[in-house]
């Protein structure tokens, strides 16, 4: 179960990084001084993070990040992607809470 919890925590870190990148892109979308936005394949980031659990998530994200021209993506798509990333994170938090609850029950039952 500890391995599962560590995997969930790793996925939460990646989902948080994805949400932060997307939120930053939304915030900068209408800034005329910025012509490019950041993009990363977060499926690849997650795979990389799971293979190297001790590596800093920010370093892995930076490795997989590239700049894209703002004209290649709409603000509506960025907003939808941000909401999707929030949903992933929320689901991971709920899953972690369930796992921790099960561990708590198992510990309290073994103490009896």
N, C-alpha and C. Protein backbone atom coordinates (compact mmCIF):
# COMPACT_ATOMS: atom_id res chain seq x y z
N UNK A 1 0.82 -1.19 0.00
CA UNK A 1 0.00 0.00 0.00
C UNK A 1 0.87 1.26 0.00
N UNK A 2 2.04 1.19 0.61
CA UNK A 2 2.94 2.35 0.64
C UNK A 2 3.36 2.73 -0.77
N UNK A 3 3.62 1.74 -1.62
CA UNK A 3 3.99 2.00 -3.01
C UNK A 3 2.87 2.73 -3.73
N UNK A 4 1.62 2.31 -3.47
CA UNK A 4 0.47 2.97 -4.08
C UNK A 4 0.38 4.43 -3.62
N UNK A 5 0.58 4.65 -2.34
CA UNK A 5 0.51 6.01 -1.80
C UNK A 5 1.60 6.88 -2.43
N UNK A 6 2.81 6.35 -2.54
CA UNK A 6 3.90 7.10 -3.17
C UNK A 6 3.58 7.42 -4.64
N UNK A 7 2.97 6.46 -5.34
CA UNK A 7 2.59 6.69 -6.74
C UNK A 7 1.54 7.79 -6.84
N UNK A 8 0.60 7.78 -5.92
CA UNK A 8 -0.45 8.81 -5.92
C UNK A 8 0.16 10.18 -5.64
N UNK A 9 1.08 10.23 -4.68
CA UNK A 9 1.72 11.51 -4.35
C UNK A 9 2.53 12.03 -5.53
N UNK A 10 3.23 11.14 -6.22
CA UNK A 10 3.97 11.55 -7.43
C UNK A 10 3.01 12.10 -8.48
N UNK A 11 1.90 11.40 -8.70
CA UNK A 11 0.90 11.85 -9.68
C UNK A 11 0.31 13.20 -9.26
N UNK A 12 0.13 13.41 -7.95
CA UNK A 12 -0.39 14.70 -7.47
C UNK A 12 0.60 15.82 -7.77
N UNK A 13 1.88 15.56 -7.58
CA UNK A 13 2.89 16.59 -7.87
C UNK A 13 2.87 16.96 -9.35
N UNK A 14 2.74 15.96 -10.20
CA UNK A 14 2.71 16.21 -11.65
C UNK A 14 1.43 16.95 -12.02
N UNK A 15 0.30 16.54 -11.45
CA UNK A 15 -0.97 17.23 -11.74
C UNK A 15 -0.92 18.68 -11.28
N UNK A 16 -0.30 18.93 -10.14
CA UNK A 16 -0.15 20.30 -9.64
C UNK A 16 0.71 21.12 -10.60
N UNK A 17 1.79 20.54 -11.08
CA UNK A 17 2.67 21.24 -12.03
C UNK A 17 1.92 21.53 -13.34
N UNK A 18 1.11 20.57 -13.78
CA UNK A 18 0.32 20.77 -15.00
C UNK A 18 -0.66 21.93 -14.80
N UNK A 19 -1.34 21.93 -13.67
CA UNK A 19 -2.30 22.99 -13.40
C UNK A 19 -1.61 24.35 -13.33
N UNK A 20 -0.46 24.41 -12.69
CA UNK A 20 0.28 25.67 -12.59
C UNK A 20 0.71 26.19 -13.96
N UNK A 21 1.19 25.29 -14.82
CA UNK A 21 1.61 25.71 -16.16
C UNK A 21 0.41 26.23 -16.95
N UNK A 22 -0.70 25.51 -16.89
CA UNK A 22 -1.88 25.92 -17.62
C UNK A 22 -2.44 27.24 -17.08
N UNK A 23 -2.48 27.38 -15.77
CA UNK A 23 -2.98 28.63 -15.18
C UNK A 23 -2.09 29.80 -15.57
N UNK A 24 -0.80 29.58 -15.62
CA UNK A 24 0.13 30.62 -16.05
C UNK A 24 -0.12 30.99 -17.52
N UNK A 25 -0.39 29.98 -18.33
CA UNK A 25 -0.70 30.24 -19.74
C UNK A 25 -1.98 31.05 -19.89
N UNK A 26 -3.00 30.71 -19.10
CA UNK A 26 -4.26 31.46 -19.14
C UNK A 26 -4.01 32.91 -18.73
N UNK A 27 -3.23 33.08 -17.66
CA UNK A 27 -2.94 34.43 -17.16
C UNK A 27 -2.17 35.27 -18.19
N UNK A 28 -1.31 34.63 -18.97
CA UNK A 28 -0.49 35.36 -19.94
C UNK A 28 -1.07 35.42 -21.34
N UNK A 29 -2.20 34.78 -21.55
CA UNK A 29 -2.74 34.65 -22.90
C UNK A 29 -2.99 35.99 -23.58
N UNK A 30 -3.55 36.94 -22.87
CA UNK A 30 -3.88 38.25 -23.46
C UNK A 30 -2.79 39.29 -23.27
N UNK A 31 -1.63 38.87 -22.79
CA UNK A 31 -0.49 39.77 -22.63
C UNK A 31 0.20 39.92 -23.98
N UNK A 32 0.11 41.11 -24.55
CA UNK A 32 0.68 41.35 -25.88
C UNK A 32 2.19 41.19 -25.91
N UNK A 33 2.83 41.33 -24.78
CA UNK A 33 4.30 41.21 -24.72
C UNK A 33 4.76 39.75 -24.77
N UNK A 34 3.83 38.83 -24.58
CA UNK A 34 4.18 37.40 -24.58
C UNK A 34 3.58 36.75 -25.83
N UNK A 35 4.45 36.19 -26.66
CA UNK A 35 4.00 35.56 -27.90
C UNK A 35 3.96 34.04 -27.82
N UNK A 36 4.64 33.48 -26.84
CA UNK A 36 4.72 32.02 -26.72
C UNK A 36 4.25 31.58 -25.33
N UNK A 37 3.66 30.41 -25.30
CA UNK A 37 3.21 29.81 -24.05
C UNK A 37 3.98 28.52 -23.83
N UNK A 38 3.97 28.05 -22.60
CA UNK A 38 4.67 26.82 -22.27
C UNK A 38 3.74 25.63 -22.48
N UNK A 39 4.30 24.53 -22.95
CA UNK A 39 3.52 23.30 -23.15
C UNK A 39 4.40 22.12 -22.79
N UNK A 40 3.80 21.13 -22.14
CA UNK A 40 4.51 19.90 -21.82
C UNK A 40 3.54 18.73 -21.96
N UNK A 41 4.07 17.59 -22.35
CA UNK A 41 3.29 16.35 -22.38
C UNK A 41 3.33 15.78 -20.97
N UNK A 42 2.27 15.99 -20.22
CA UNK A 42 2.29 15.59 -18.82
C UNK A 42 2.13 14.09 -18.61
N UNK A 43 1.70 13.36 -19.63
CA UNK A 43 1.75 11.89 -19.54
C UNK A 43 3.21 11.44 -19.51
N UNK A 44 4.03 12.06 -20.34
CA UNK A 44 5.47 11.75 -20.35
C UNK A 44 6.12 12.21 -19.05
N UNK A 45 5.69 13.36 -18.53
CA UNK A 45 6.23 13.86 -17.26
C UNK A 45 5.93 12.87 -16.15
N UNK A 46 4.70 12.35 -16.11
CA UNK A 46 4.31 11.40 -15.08
C UNK A 46 5.12 10.11 -15.19
N UNK A 47 5.28 9.59 -16.39
CA UNK A 47 6.10 8.38 -16.57
C UNK A 47 7.52 8.62 -16.10
N UNK A 48 8.10 9.74 -16.47
CA UNK A 48 9.45 10.09 -16.08
C UNK A 48 9.55 10.21 -14.55
N UNK A 49 8.57 10.86 -13.94
CA UNK A 49 8.57 11.05 -12.49
C UNK A 49 8.44 9.72 -11.75
N UNK A 50 7.69 8.80 -12.31
CA UNK A 50 7.54 7.49 -11.66
C UNK A 50 8.81 6.67 -11.77
N UNK A 51 9.55 6.87 -12.85
CA UNK A 51 10.82 6.16 -13.01
C UNK A 51 11.92 6.76 -12.15
N UNK A 52 11.81 8.04 -11.85
CA UNK A 52 12.81 8.74 -11.03
C UNK A 52 12.10 9.47 -9.90
N UNK A 53 11.59 8.74 -8.90
CA UNK A 53 10.78 9.36 -7.86
C UNK A 53 11.53 10.38 -6.99
N UNK A 54 12.85 10.32 -6.97
CA UNK A 54 13.61 11.27 -6.16
C UNK A 54 13.97 12.55 -6.90
N UNK A 55 13.69 12.59 -8.20
CA UNK A 55 13.99 13.78 -8.99
C UNK A 55 12.97 14.87 -8.69
N UNK A 56 13.41 16.10 -8.76
CA UNK A 56 12.50 17.24 -8.55
C UNK A 56 11.50 17.31 -9.70
N UNK A 57 10.24 17.44 -9.35
CA UNK A 57 9.19 17.51 -10.37
C UNK A 57 9.43 18.67 -11.32
N UNK A 58 9.89 19.80 -10.79
CA UNK A 58 10.13 20.97 -11.64
C UNK A 58 11.21 20.68 -12.69
N UNK A 59 12.23 19.91 -12.32
CA UNK A 59 13.28 19.56 -13.29
C UNK A 59 12.72 18.66 -14.39
N UNK A 60 11.87 17.73 -14.02
CA UNK A 60 11.27 16.83 -15.01
C UNK A 60 10.35 17.61 -15.94
N UNK A 61 9.55 18.51 -15.36
CA UNK A 61 8.65 19.34 -16.18
C UNK A 61 9.47 20.18 -17.14
N UNK A 62 10.53 20.82 -16.64
CA UNK A 62 11.38 21.65 -17.51
C UNK A 62 11.97 20.84 -18.65
N UNK A 63 12.34 19.60 -18.38
CA UNK A 63 12.91 18.73 -19.41
C UNK A 63 11.91 18.48 -20.53
N UNK A 64 10.63 18.38 -20.18
CA UNK A 64 9.59 18.05 -21.16
C UNK A 64 8.84 19.27 -21.70
N UNK A 65 9.27 20.46 -21.31
CA UNK A 65 8.55 21.68 -21.69
C UNK A 65 9.11 22.28 -22.98
N UNK A 66 8.18 22.77 -23.78
CA UNK A 66 8.56 23.49 -24.99
C UNK A 66 7.66 24.71 -25.13
N UNK A 67 8.08 25.66 -25.89
CA UNK A 67 7.28 26.86 -26.15
C UNK A 67 6.42 26.63 -27.38
N UNK A 68 5.20 27.12 -27.30
CA UNK A 68 4.31 27.07 -28.47
C UNK A 68 3.79 28.48 -28.72
N UNK A 69 3.53 28.77 -29.98
CA UNK A 69 2.99 30.06 -30.35
C UNK A 69 1.54 30.16 -29.86
N UNK A 70 1.19 31.32 -29.34
CA UNK A 70 -0.17 31.50 -28.82
C UNK A 70 -1.24 31.22 -29.88
N UNK A 71 -0.92 31.43 -31.12
CA UNK A 71 -1.91 31.22 -32.18
C UNK A 71 -2.27 29.75 -32.35
N UNK A 72 -1.49 28.85 -31.76
CA UNK A 72 -1.74 27.41 -31.90
C UNK A 72 -2.79 26.88 -30.93
N UNK A 73 -3.22 27.71 -29.98
CA UNK A 73 -4.18 27.25 -28.99
C UNK A 73 -5.11 28.39 -28.61
N UNK A 74 -6.36 28.05 -28.34
CA UNK A 74 -7.33 29.08 -27.96
C UNK A 74 -7.40 29.22 -26.44
N UNK A 75 -7.87 30.36 -26.01
CA UNK A 75 -8.07 30.58 -24.58
C UNK A 75 -9.11 29.61 -24.04
N UNK A 76 -10.13 29.32 -24.84
CA UNK A 76 -11.14 28.35 -24.41
C UNK A 76 -10.52 26.97 -24.16
N UNK A 77 -9.62 26.56 -25.04
CA UNK A 77 -8.96 25.26 -24.87
C UNK A 77 -8.07 25.26 -23.63
N UNK A 78 -7.35 26.34 -23.42
CA UNK A 78 -6.52 26.45 -22.21
C UNK A 78 -7.37 26.37 -20.95
N UNK A 79 -8.51 27.06 -20.96
CA UNK A 79 -9.39 27.03 -19.80
C UNK A 79 -9.93 25.63 -19.57
N UNK A 80 -10.33 24.95 -20.62
CA UNK A 80 -10.83 23.58 -20.49
C UNK A 80 -9.72 22.66 -19.98
N UNK A 81 -8.51 22.82 -20.49
CA UNK A 81 -7.39 21.99 -20.02
C UNK A 81 -7.08 22.25 -18.55
N UNK A 82 -7.22 23.51 -18.12
CA UNK A 82 -6.99 23.86 -16.72
C UNK A 82 -8.03 23.19 -15.82
N UNK A 83 -9.27 23.21 -16.25
CA UNK A 83 -10.33 22.54 -15.48
C UNK A 83 -10.10 21.03 -15.43
N UNK A 84 -9.65 20.46 -16.54
CA UNK A 84 -9.34 19.02 -16.58
C UNK A 84 -8.21 18.68 -15.60
N UNK A 85 -7.18 19.52 -15.57
CA UNK A 85 -6.06 19.29 -14.66
C UNK A 85 -6.52 19.40 -13.20
N UNK A 86 -7.41 20.34 -12.92
CA UNK A 86 -7.95 20.48 -11.57
C UNK A 86 -8.73 19.23 -11.18
N UNK A 87 -9.49 18.71 -12.12
CA UNK A 87 -10.25 17.48 -11.86
C UNK A 87 -9.34 16.30 -11.58
N UNK A 88 -8.24 16.18 -12.32
CA UNK A 88 -7.28 15.10 -12.07
C UNK A 88 -6.71 15.21 -10.66
N UNK A 89 -6.33 16.42 -10.28
CA UNK A 89 -5.75 16.63 -8.96
C UNK A 89 -6.76 16.29 -7.87
N UNK A 90 -7.98 16.75 -8.04
CA UNK A 90 -9.04 16.49 -7.05
C UNK A 90 -9.29 14.99 -6.91
N UNK A 91 -9.30 14.26 -8.02
CA UNK A 91 -9.49 12.81 -7.98
C UNK A 91 -8.34 12.13 -7.25
N UNK A 92 -7.13 12.60 -7.50
CA UNK A 92 -5.97 12.02 -6.81
C UNK A 92 -6.02 12.29 -5.30
N UNK A 93 -6.46 13.48 -4.91
CA UNK A 93 -6.60 13.80 -3.49
C UNK A 93 -7.63 12.87 -2.84
N UNK A 94 -8.75 12.68 -3.50
CA UNK A 94 -9.78 11.79 -2.97
C UNK A 94 -9.27 10.36 -2.85
N UNK A 95 -8.53 9.90 -3.84
CA UNK A 95 -7.95 8.56 -3.80
C UNK A 95 -6.97 8.42 -2.65
N UNK A 96 -6.12 9.43 -2.47
CA UNK A 96 -5.16 9.40 -1.37
C UNK A 96 -5.89 9.40 -0.03
N UNK A 97 -6.93 10.21 0.10
CA UNK A 97 -7.70 10.24 1.34
C UNK A 97 -8.31 8.87 1.65
N UNK A 98 -8.80 8.19 0.64
CA UNK A 98 -9.37 6.85 0.84
C UNK A 98 -8.29 5.87 1.30
N UNK A 99 -7.14 5.92 0.65
CA UNK A 99 -6.03 5.03 1.03
C UNK A 99 -5.60 5.29 2.46
N UNK A 100 -5.49 6.56 2.83
CA UNK A 100 -5.09 6.90 4.19
C UNK A 100 -6.16 6.46 5.19
N UNK A 101 -7.42 6.57 4.81
CA UNK A 101 -8.51 6.11 5.67
C UNK A 101 -8.44 4.61 5.90
N UNK A 102 -8.17 3.87 4.83
CA UNK A 102 -8.03 2.41 4.96
C UNK A 102 -6.85 2.05 5.84
N UNK A 103 -5.75 2.78 5.68
CA UNK A 103 -4.58 2.52 6.53
C UNK A 103 -4.91 2.83 7.99
N UNK A 104 -5.65 3.88 8.24
CA UNK A 104 -6.03 4.25 9.60
C UNK A 104 -6.91 3.17 10.22
N UNK A 105 -7.86 2.67 9.46
CA UNK A 105 -8.74 1.60 9.94
C UNK A 105 -7.92 0.34 10.24
N UNK A 106 -7.02 0.00 9.35
CA UNK A 106 -6.19 -1.19 9.56
C UNK A 106 -5.33 -1.06 10.81
N UNK A 107 -4.79 0.13 11.03
CA UNK A 107 -3.95 0.34 12.21
C UNK A 107 -4.77 0.29 13.48
N UNK A 108 -5.93 0.95 13.48
CA UNK A 108 -6.76 0.97 14.67
C UNK A 108 -7.33 -0.42 14.98
N UNK A 109 -7.61 -1.23 13.97
CA UNK A 109 -8.11 -2.59 14.21
C UNK A 109 -6.99 -3.50 14.73
N UNK A 110 -5.77 -3.25 14.33
CA UNK A 110 -4.67 -4.10 14.79
C UNK A 110 -4.28 -3.77 16.23
N UNK A 111 -4.64 -2.58 16.70
CA UNK A 111 -4.31 -2.17 18.08
C UNK A 111 -5.30 -2.76 19.08
N UNK A 112 -6.39 -3.31 18.62
CA UNK A 112 -7.41 -3.85 19.53
C UNK A 112 -7.07 -5.22 19.98
